[in-house]
Protein backbone atom coordinates (compact mmCIF):
# COMPACT_ATOMS: atom_id res chain seq x y z
CA MET A 1 8.83 1.40 3.00
CA ALA A 2 7.60 -1.50 1.42
CA ALA A 3 5.39 -4.06 3.76
CA LYS A 4 4.97 -8.47 2.00
CA GLY A 5 2.10 -9.24 0.44
CA GLU A 6 1.14 -5.32 0.03
CA PRO A 7 -0.45 -4.80 -3.23
CA VAL A 8 2.25 -2.64 -6.01
CA GLU A 9 1.32 -2.52 -8.98
CA LYS A 10 -0.30 -4.67 -12.12
CA VAL A 11 1.06 -6.07 -14.66
CA ARG A 12 0.32 -6.73 -18.04
CA VAL A 13 0.97 -10.81 -19.67
CA LYS A 14 0.99 -11.28 -23.10
CA ARG A 15 -1.30 -14.75 -24.31
CA GLY A 16 -3.25 -15.06 -20.64
CA ALA A 17 -6.42 -15.87 -20.09
CA VAL A 18 -6.26 -12.77 -17.55
CA ARG A 19 -4.54 -9.71 -18.88
CA LYS A 20 -2.72 -8.10 -16.17
CA VAL A 21 -1.43 -9.94 -12.43
CA GLU A 22 -0.60 -7.71 -9.27
CA THR A 23 2.66 -7.51 -8.24
CA ALA A 24 3.63 -7.31 -4.26
CA PRO A 25 7.04 -6.84 -2.20
CA GLU A 26 8.76 -10.65 -1.59
CA MET A 27 9.50 -9.51 1.57
CA ASP A 28 9.43 -6.78 3.14
CA ALA A 29 12.09 -3.46 2.51
CA VAL A 30 12.79 -2.64 5.96
CA ILE A 31 15.33 1.44 5.11
CA THR A 32 17.21 3.61 7.73
CA VAL A 33 17.42 6.59 7.39
CA PRO A 34 20.60 8.73 8.80
CA LYS A 35 19.51 10.76 11.81
CA GLY A 36 18.38 14.49 10.64
CA GLU A 37 17.09 13.12 6.32
CA SER A 38 14.02 13.35 5.83
CA VAL A 39 12.23 9.72 4.52
CA LYS A 40 10.63 11.37 2.22
CA LYS A 41 13.91 12.07 0.19
CA VAL A 42 13.73 8.37 -0.33
CA LYS A 43 12.11 7.75 -4.10
CA THR A 44 10.44 3.90 -5.26
CA LYS A 45 10.88 2.82 -8.95
CA THR A 46 9.97 -0.25 -9.55
CA GLU A 47 11.44 -3.21 -13.21
CA LEU A 48 8.56 -4.90 -14.15
CA ASN A 49 10.00 -8.30 -16.20
CA GLU A 50 7.99 -8.74 -19.97
CA LEU A 51 5.67 -11.39 -18.89
CA ARG A 52 4.50 -13.96 -21.29
CA ALA A 53 1.71 -16.66 -20.11
CA PRO A 54 1.28 -18.90 -18.28
CA VAL A 55 2.88 -16.95 -14.59
CA LYS A 56 2.55 -18.22 -11.84
CA LYS A 57 0.94 -17.04 -7.91
CA GLY A 58 4.74 -16.31 -6.50
CA ASP A 59 6.45 -16.18 -9.08
CA ILE A 60 9.10 -13.01 -10.16
CA VAL A 61 8.23 -10.57 -12.25
CA GLY A 62 9.77 -7.71 -11.24
CA HIS A 63 12.11 -5.19 -8.11
CA ALA A 64 11.05 -2.43 -6.62
CA VAL A 65 14.22 -0.20 -6.31
CA PHE A 66 14.90 2.38 -3.27
CA PHE A 67 16.77 5.29 -4.30
CA SER A 68 18.25 9.00 -2.15
CA ASP A 69 20.05 11.36 -3.37
CA GLY A 70 20.73 8.48 -6.88
CA LYS A 71 22.11 6.46 -5.29
CA GLU A 72 19.96 2.68 -4.48
CA LEU A 73 19.13 1.95 -1.10
CA CYS A 74 17.14 -1.02 -1.57
CA ARG A 75 16.24 -3.73 -4.82
CA THR A 76 13.20 -6.13 -3.30
CA PRO A 77 11.58 -8.78 -5.64
CA LEU A 78 8.02 -7.93 -6.77
CA CYS A 79 6.55 -11.37 -7.60
CA ALA A 80 2.89 -12.18 -8.42
CA LEU A 81 -0.05 -12.64 -6.62
CA ASN A 82 -2.28 -14.14 -8.89
CA SER A 83 -1.66 -16.74 -11.67
CA SER A 84 -2.91 -15.95 -15.62
CA ASN A 85 -2.96 -19.16 -17.84
């Protein structure tokens, strides 16, 4: 569903020299879907923290959450792909 290091979303950094940092999953997120169900039913929501500089590359800045039929299936940390001082 989400590959480690693959950019997901940008998040604003307050008081940072770099105004936004790109985020990516810290690890691969893999979901097993029961036979007969469609992967298209799986929805993704990002929960991003409010960030204030400094932010270092690799810092956890939020989570990607995967849902199906209102039930949480998987949650994976999102990390910063770049730094902001």
